[in-house]
Structure formats: C-alpha cells, structure tokens
C-alpha atoms as a PDB file:
ATOM      1  CA  UNK A   1       5.174  31.383-114.145  1.00  0.00           C
ATOM      2  CA  UNK A   2       8.179  31.158-116.458  1.00  0.00           C
ATOM      3  CA  UNK A   3       9.208  27.600-115.794  1.00  0.00           C
ATOM      4  CA  UNK A   4       5.749  26.248-116.830  1.00  0.00           C
ATOM      5  CA  UNK A   5       6.027  27.630-120.221  1.00  0.00           C
ATOM      6  CA  UNK A   6       9.560  26.338-120.450  1.00  0.00           C
ATOM      7  CA  UNK A   7       8.527  22.872-119.532  1.00  0.00           C
ATOM      8  CA  UNK A   8       5.785  22.962-122.187  1.00  0.00           C
ATOM      9  CA  UNK A   9       8.239  24.226-124.944  1.00  0.00           C
ATOM     10  CA  UNK A  10      11.331  21.940-124.305  1.00  0.00           C
ATOM     11  CA  UNK A  11      11.862  18.189-123.866  1.00  0.00           C
ATOM     12  CA  UNK A  12      12.983  16.509-120.758  1.00  0.00           C
ATOM     13  CA  UNK A  13      15.851  14.582-122.159  1.00  0.00           C
ATOM     14  CA  UNK A  14      16.175  11.607-119.866  1.00  0.00           C
ATOM     15  CA  UNK A  15      13.972   9.761-117.390  1.00  0.00           C
ATOM     16  CA  UNK A  16      15.909  10.700-114.324  1.00  0.00           C
ATOM     17  CA  UNK A  17      13.396  13.310-113.235  1.00  0.00           C
ATOM     18  CA  UNK A  18       9.692  13.630-114.012  1.00  0.00           C
ATOM     19  CA  UNK A  19       7.853  16.888-114.873  1.00  0.00           C
ATOM     20  CA  UNK A  20       6.304  17.345-111.515  1.00  0.00           C
ATOM     21  CA  UNK A  21       9.529  17.114-109.413  1.00  0.00           C
ATOM     22  CA  UNK A  22      11.313  19.297-112.197  1.00  0.00           C
ATOM     23  CA  UNK A  23       8.653  21.850-111.929  1.00  0.00           C
ATOM     24  CA  UNK A  24       9.305  21.947-108.067  1.00  0.00           C
ATOM     25  CA  UNK A  25      12.942  22.551-108.685  1.00  0.00           C
ATOM     26  CA  UNK A  26      12.448  25.350-111.277  1.00  0.00           C
ATOM     27  CA  UNK A  27       9.610  27.042-109.146  1.00  0.00           C
ATOM     28  CA  UNK A  28      12.031  27.280-106.161  1.00  0.00           C
ATOM     29  CA  UNK A  29      14.724  28.727-108.471  1.00  0.00           C
ATOM     30  CA  UNK A  30      12.328  31.338-109.695  1.00  0.00           C
ATOM     31  CA  UNK A  31      11.441  32.206-106.192  1.00  0.00           C
ATOM     32  CA  UNK A  32      14.958  32.940-105.224  1.00  0.00           C
ATOM     33  CA  UNK A  33      15.187  35.175-108.596  1.00  0.00           C
ATOM     34  CA  UNK A  34      11.943  37.123-107.605  1.00  0.00           C
ATOM     35  CA  UNK A  35      13.350  37.767-104.171  1.00  0.00           C
ATOM     36  CA  UNK A  36      16.704  38.757-105.502  1.00  0.00           C
ATOM     37  CA  UNK A  37      18.741  36.529-103.334  1.00  0.00           C
ATOM     38  CA  UNK A  38      22.389  37.139-104.005  1.00  0.00           C
ATOM     39  CA  UNK A  39      24.697  34.481-105.085  1.00  0.00           C
ATOM     40  CA  UNK A  40      25.218  31.754-107.790  1.00  0.00           C
ATOM     41  CA  UNK A  41      23.150  28.753-108.786  1.00  0.00           C
ATOM     42  CA  UNK A  42      24.682  25.344-108.505  1.00  0.00           C
ATOM     43  CA  UNK A  43      23.679  21.810-109.295  1.00  0.00           C
ATOM     44  CA  UNK A  44      25.395  18.800-107.797  1.00  0.00           C
ATOM     45  CA  UNK A  45      24.860  15.483-109.753  1.00  0.00           C
ATOM     46  CA  UNK A  46      23.888  16.604-113.266  1.00  0.00           C
ATOM     47  CA  UNK A  47      24.117  13.515-115.333  1.00  0.00           C
ATOM     48  CA  UNK A  48      23.404  14.558-119.023  1.00  0.00           C
ATOM     49  CA  UNK A  49      22.068  17.791-118.067  1.00  0.00           C
ATOM     50  CA  UNK A  50      18.376  17.043-117.766  1.00  0.00           C
ATOM     51  CA  UNK A  51      17.737  19.522-114.924  1.00  0.00           C
ATOM     52  CA  UNK A  52      20.726  21.762-115.809  1.00  0.00           C
ATOM     53  CA  UNK A  53      19.374  22.832-119.184  1.00  0.00           C
ATOM     54  CA  UNK A  54      16.246  24.009-117.513  1.00  0.00           C
ATOM     55  CA  UNK A  55      18.141  25.902-114.864  1.00  0.00           C
ATOM     56  CA  UNK A  56      19.987  27.712-117.578  1.00  0.00           C
ATOM     57  CA  UNK A  57      16.509  28.389-119.436  1.00  0.00           C
ATOM     58  CA  UNK A  58      15.027  29.838-116.329  1.00  0.00           C
ATOM     59  CA  UNK A  59      17.990  32.097-115.773  1.00  0.00           C
ATOM     60  CA  UNK A  60      17.938  33.254-119.560  1.00  0.00           C
ATOM     61  CA  UNK A  61      14.214  33.838-119.491  1.00  0.00           C
ATOM     62  CA  UNK A  62      14.628  36.075-116.334  1.00  0.00           C
ATOM     63  CA  UNK A  63      17.657  37.792-117.884  1.00  0.00           C
ATOM     64  CA  UNK A  64      19.641  36.851-114.906  1.00  0.00           C
ATOM     65  CA  UNK A  65      23.359  37.426-114.860  1.00  0.00           C
ATOM     66  CA  UNK A  66      23.839  34.760-112.043  1.00  0.00           C
ATOM     67  CA  UNK A  67      26.611  32.226-112.719  1.00  0.00           C
ATOM     68  CA  UNK A  68      25.556  28.563-113.099  1.00  0.00           C
ATOM     69  CA  UNK A  69      27.866  25.902-111.764  1.00  0.00           C
ATOM     70  CA  UNK A  70      27.479  22.091-112.509  1.00  0.00           C
ATOM     71  CA  UNK A  71      29.413  19.496-110.481  1.00  0.00           C
ATOM     72  CA  UNK A  72      29.479  15.774-111.361  1.00  0.00           C
ATOM     73  CA  UNK A  73      32.009  12.920-111.064  1.00  0.00           C
ATOM     74  CA  UNK A  74      31.002  11.916-114.679  1.00  0.00           C
ATOM     75  CA  UNK A  75      31.887   8.449-113.483  1.00  0.00           C
ATOM     76  CA  UNK A  76      28.339   7.425-112.338  1.00  0.00           C
ATOM     77  CA  UNK A  77      27.217   6.442-108.954  1.00  0.00           C
ATOM     78  CA  UNK A  78      29.787   5.898-106.146  1.00  0.00           C
ATOM     79  CA  UNK A  79      29.616   3.131-103.758  1.00  0.00           C
ATOM     80  CA  UNK A  80      26.664   2.848-101.222  1.00  0.00           C
ATOM     81  CA  UNK A  81      27.191   2.961 -97.459  1.00  0.00           C
ATOM     82  CA  UNK A  82      25.113   1.291 -94.853  1.00  0.00           C
ATOM     83  CA  UNK A  83      22.910   4.402 -94.715  1.00  0.00           C
ATOM     84  CA  UNK A  84      21.684   3.579 -98.169  1.00  0.00           C
ATOM     85  CA  UNK A  85      20.546   0.097 -97.543  1.00  0.00           C
ATOM     86  CA  UNK A  86      17.135  -0.622 -98.848  1.00  0.00           C
ATOM     87  CA  UNK A  87      15.604  -3.684-100.321  1.00  0.00           C
ATOM     88  CA  UNK A  88      13.697  -1.434-102.750  1.00  0.00           C
ATOM     89  CA  UNK A  89      16.952   0.072-104.097  1.00  0.00           C
ATOM     90  CA  UNK A  90      19.029  -2.797-105.316  1.00  0.00           C
ATOM     91  CA  UNK A  91      19.127  -1.452-108.891  1.00  0.00           C
ATOM     92  CA  UNK A  92      21.316   1.499-107.946  1.00  0.00           C
ATOM     93  CA  UNK A  93      24.871   0.214-108.304  1.00  0.00           C
ATOM     94  CA  UNK A  94      28.404   1.593-108.614  1.00  0.00           C
ATOM     95  CA  UNK A  95      28.976   3.151-111.925  1.00  0.00           C
ATOM     96  CA  UNK A  96      25.361   3.555-113.027  1.00  0.00           C
ATOM     97  CA  UNK A  97      24.378   6.688-114.635  1.00  0.00           C
ATOM     98  CA  UNK A  98      27.808   7.352-115.966  1.00  0.00           C
ATOM     99  CA  UNK A  99      28.155   9.919-118.773  1.00  0.00           C
ATOM    100  CA  UNK A 100      31.114  11.971-120.099  1.00  0.00           C
ATOM    101  CA  UNK A 101      31.624  15.650-119.425  1.00  0.00           C
ATOM    102  CA  UNK A 102      31.783  15.976-123.198  1.00  0.00           C
ATOM    103  CA  UNK A 103      28.370  14.507-123.714  1.00  0.00           C
ATOM    104  CA  UNK A 104      26.998  16.658-120.932  1.00  0.00           C
ATOM    105  CA  UNK A 105      28.415  19.763-122.677  1.00  0.00           C
ATOM    106  CA  UNK A 106      27.130  18.774-126.063  1.00  0.00           C
ATOM    107  CA  UNK A 107      23.619  18.937-124.767  1.00  0.00           C
ATOM    108  CA  UNK A 108      23.911  22.614-124.202  1.00  0.00           C
ATOM    109  CA  UNK A 109      25.591  23.058-127.761  1.00  0.00           C
ATOM    110  CA  UNK A 110      22.695  21.126-129.234  1.00  0.00           C
ATOM    111  CA  UNK A 111      20.158  23.401-127.239  1.00  0.00           C
ATOM    112  CA  UNK A 112      21.972  26.483-128.157  1.00  0.00           C
ATOM    113  CA  UNK A 113      22.445  27.396-124.554  1.00  0.00           C
ATOM    114  CA  UNK A 114      25.450  28.791-122.726  1.00  0.00           C
ATOM    115  CA  UNK A 115      27.096  25.909-120.806  1.00  0.00           C
ATOM    116  CA  UNK A 116      27.540  26.102-117.000  1.00  0.00           C
ATOM    117  CA  UNK A 117      30.822  26.336-115.283  1.00  0.00           C
ATOM    118  CA  UNK A 118      31.434  22.651-115.172  1.00  0.00           C
ATOM    119  CA  UNK A 119      33.726  20.850-112.624  1.00  0.00           C
ATOM    120  CA  UNK A 120      34.475  17.213-112.736  1.00  0.00           C
ATOM    121  CA  UNK A 121      35.082  15.564-109.419  1.00  0.00           C
ATOM    122  CA  UNK A 122      33.572  13.621-106.443  1.00  0.00           C
ATOM    123  CA  UNK A 123      31.811  16.057-104.182  1.00  0.00           C
ATOM    124  CA  UNK A 124      33.916  15.061-101.238  1.00  0.00           C
ATOM    125  CA  UNK A 125      37.099  15.864-103.093  1.00  0.00           C
ATOM    126  CA  UNK A 126      36.016  19.503-104.172  1.00  0.00           C
ATOM    127  CA  UNK A 127      38.062  22.414-103.002  1.00  0.00           C
ATOM    128  CA  UNK A 128      36.932  25.762-101.707  1.00  0.00           C
ATOM    129  CA  UNK A 129      38.235  27.469-104.670  1.00  0.00           C
ATOM    130  CA  UNK A 130      36.051  25.321-107.079  1.00  0.00           C
ATOM    131  CA  UNK A 131      32.833  26.701-105.396  1.00  0.00           C
ATOM    132  CA  UNK A 132      31.088  30.052-105.613  1.00  0.00           C
ATOM    133  CA  UNK A 133      31.675  32.099-102.440  1.00  0.00           C
ATOM    134  CA  UNK A 134      27.970  32.728-102.180  1.00  0.00           C
ATOM    135  CA  UNK A 135      25.057  30.598-103.366  1.00  0.00           C
ATOM    136  CA  UNK A 136      21.434  31.564-103.833  1.00  0.00           C
ATOM    137  CA  UNK A 137      20.099  28.269-105.011  1.00  0.00           C
ATOM    138  CA  UNK A 138      21.408  24.699-105.201  1.00  0.00           C
ATOM    139  CA  UNK A 139      19.899  21.395-106.573  1.00  0.00           C
ATOM    140  CA  UNK A 140      21.392  18.365-104.963  1.00  0.00           C
ATOM    141  CA  UNK A 141      21.008  15.148-106.870  1.00  0.00           C
ATOM    142  CA  UNK A 142      23.529  12.778-105.472  1.00  0.00           C
ATOM    143  CA  UNK A 143      21.097   9.746-104.672  1.00  0.00           C
ATOM    144  CA  UNK A 144      23.288   8.345-101.892  1.00  0.00           C
ATOM    145  CA  UNK A 145      23.886   9.391 -98.147  1.00  0.00           C
ATOM    146  CA  UNK A 146      27.404  10.402 -98.402  1.00  0.00           C
ATOM    147  CA  UNK A 147      27.060  12.373-101.585  1.00  0.00           C
ATOM    148  CA  UNK A 148      24.264  14.530-100.169  1.00  0.00           C
ATOM    149  CA  UNK A 149      26.169  15.062 -96.778  1.00  0.00           C
ATOM    150  CA  UNK A 150      29.181  16.179 -98.707  1.00  0.00           C
ATOM    151  CA  UNK A 151      26.976  18.551-100.636  1.00  0.00           C
ATOM    152  CA  UNK A 152      25.328  19.959 -97.556  1.00  0.00           C
ATOM    153  CA  UNK A 153      28.823  20.595 -96.038  1.00  0.00           C
ATOM    154  CA  UNK A 154      29.810  22.436 -99.126  1.00  0.00           C
ATOM    155  CA  UNK A 155      26.575  24.440 -99.831  1.00  0.00           C
ATOM    156  CA  UNK A 156      24.958  25.209 -96.517  1.00  0.00           C
ATOM    157  CA  UNK A 157      27.696  27.566 -95.184  1.00  0.00           C
ATOM    158  CA  UNK A 158      27.780  29.359 -98.443  1.00  0.00           C
ATOM    159  CA  UNK A 159      23.935  29.810 -98.836  1.00  0.00           C
ATOM    160  CA  UNK A 160      22.916  33.395 -98.755  1.00  0.00           C
ATOM    161  CA  UNK A 161      19.925  34.228 -96.344  1.00  0.00           C
ATOM    162  CA  UNK A 162      16.810  33.519 -98.189  1.00  0.00           C
ATOM    163  CA  UNK A 163      18.590  31.022-100.316  1.00  0.00           C
ATOM    164  CA  UNK A 164      17.081  27.592-101.034  1.00  0.00           C
ATOM    165  CA  UNK A 165      18.546  24.042-101.424  1.00  0.00           C
ATOM    166  CA  UNK A 166      16.360  21.465-103.143  1.00  0.00           C
ATOM    167  CA  UNK A 167      17.231  17.870-102.785  1.00  0.00           C
ATOM    168  CA  UNK A 168      16.137  15.031-105.100  1.00  0.00           C
ATOM    169  CA  UNK A 169      14.925  11.460-103.783  1.00  0.00           C
ATOM    170  CA  UNK A 170      13.884  12.773-100.414  1.00  0.00           C
ATOM    171  CA  UNK A 171      11.600  10.193 -98.606  1.00  0.00           C
ATOM    172  CA  UNK A 172      12.022   7.652-101.366  1.00  0.00           C
ATOM    173  CA  UNK A 173      11.903   4.107-100.241  1.00  0.00           C
ATOM    174  CA  UNK A 174      14.639   2.989-102.785  1.00  0.00           C
ATOM    175  CA  UNK A 175      16.884   5.807-101.818  1.00  0.00           C
ATOM    176  CA  UNK A 176      16.805   6.451 -97.945  1.00  0.00           C
ATOM    177  CA  UNK A 177      20.223   8.217 -97.921  1.00  0.00           C
ATOM    178  CA  UNK A 178      19.259  11.855 -98.791  1.00  0.00           C
ATOM    179  CA  UNK A 179      16.703  11.992 -95.983  1.00  0.00           C
ATOM    180  CA  UNK A 180      19.143  10.433 -93.529  1.00  0.00           C
ATOM    181  CA  UNK A 181      21.772  12.909 -94.560  1.00  0.00           C
ATOM    182  CA  UNK A 182      19.698  15.883 -94.060  1.00  0.00           C
ATOM    183  CA  UNK A 183      18.770  14.618 -90.526  1.00  0.00           C
ATOM    184  CA  UNK A 184      22.472  13.886 -89.696  1.00  0.00           C
ATOM    185  CA  UNK A 185      24.049  17.147 -91.065  1.00  0.00           C
ATOM    186  CA  UNK A 186      21.542  19.233 -88.951  1.00  0.00           C
ATOM    187  CA  UNK A 187      21.942  16.948 -85.786  1.00  0.00           C
ATOM    188  CA  UNK A 188      18.347  15.693 -86.071  1.00  0.00           C
ATOM    189  CA  UNK A 189      17.017  19.381 -85.957  1.00  0.00           C
ATOM    190  CA  UNK A 190      16.960  20.501 -89.673  1.00  0.00           C
ATOM    191  CA  UNK A 191      15.489  23.681 -90.681  1.00  0.00           C
ATOM    192  CA  UNK A 192      11.715  23.198 -91.705  1.00  0.00           C
ATOM    193  CA  UNK A 193      11.719  20.843 -94.608  1.00  0.00           C
ATOM    194  CA  UNK A 194       8.941  20.966 -97.034  1.00  0.00           C
ATOM    195  CA  UNK A 195       8.753  18.320 -99.614  1.00  0.00           C
ATOM    196  CA  UNK A 196       6.840  17.643-102.795  1.00  0.00           C
ATOM    197  CA  UNK A 197       7.213  14.808-105.378  1.00  0.00           C
ATOM    198  CA  UNK A 198      10.193  13.500-103.417  1.00  0.00           C
ATOM    199  CA  UNK A 199      11.944  16.939-103.669  1.00  0.00           C
ATOM    200  CA  UNK A 200      12.960  18.424-100.329  1.00  0.00           C
ATOM    201  CA  UNK A 201      12.983  22.113 -99.956  1.00  0.00           C
ATOM    202  CA  UNK A 202      15.243  23.757 -97.191  1.00  0.00           C
ATOM    203  CA  UNK A 203      15.359  27.621 -97.059  1.00  0.00           C
ATOM    204  CA  UNK A 204      17.933  29.498 -95.052  1.00  0.00           C
ATOM    205  CA  UNK A 205      16.407  32.246 -92.946  1.00  0.00           C
END
C-alpha cells in the first residue's frame, strides 16, 4: 500500500481535502497502475497542488512513466449555476480558492518533485490538443455543476477501458453540483458509482 506510507511521510499542504478522502483518490490511482491501464493521469482543479503532489509521489514510488497533467483556471471558483443552489454552500463564491500558477509550480520545486504538465484555463475552454489522447486516471475537483460536466465531457471519451474517474464533493450538501453533473452527463443512467468520504468512483468497463 504505497499511498498509505506516502500519506504518513508527507504533509497535506492545505485543508481542501482530508486524509481519508485523499487516501481514496490515491488508492484508486494505484489500482489503475497495478492493472496497467494505459494512458496518462490528469487532475482538473488543482489549487495549490494538495492532491497533485501526492499523485506525483505515487507515480514516482511505482516507477511509472505515465505523464501527469494538471488543469486549473488559477483564478479561483467560477460563477455558480442554479444546479449549485444550496443553503449549506453560501460560502463558495466567485474567485475563492484563487492561486497563481507560479505558486502551484513552486510547491513542486519545494518538494523536489517533477512538476506536471500544467495548463491554465477554464475547463470549458480547453482544446483537444491540450488533453492527453488516452487517460487512465482522472481526479475531478471542480466543485460546481458546470465544471464537473465540462470535465466529464473531456475525460470520459478519452478514458481507457479499466480507467477510473474520481470526483470530489459527491453527495455533499453544500455542493450538490457534482452529483447532478454525473446524473445529467449519463442521462440519469451513470455507470455503477461507488462513493466514500464524498469521493465518487467511476470505472469504465
């Protein structure tokens, strides 16, 4: 269990994800590596690199040559839509969680880790050439409905058989958008969705 040792050894640098949820993300990445699912690894919504650093550490610990991509607007949260309405989520406002790409990349320098291939932009504006042609694992942390829907449109068609998408804030009262986006993308008939610690796990068969 590589990820457990890594979580014991290295700090979680922000409060945006807790250890149990991060453990689920890293466990699912390890599963795709153990099964040798082809394709690159991608994270959508990386903030300061809290999770991205650990994705890199798992890849390094497994001596994997997979490319790691990171996508973020680096401008904080976008505007909500009606799909995100929740009385419990009033604290999530436009521009929150803003951090520069420079600060994100500095975290990798400070940790002596190879930085990911980093793309700045809103998910809905990304072009095909900015994405890996095949994806084995993706972590979607877009918080809101449209961000997760845009990510699913980008990732699911590129996901290799046996590949896994994990989605943060699933079935979270304050952030109803991610669950609604999964439902709508799959027309109400998503593949089997398992979830732990508000992390949804979708595997492509």
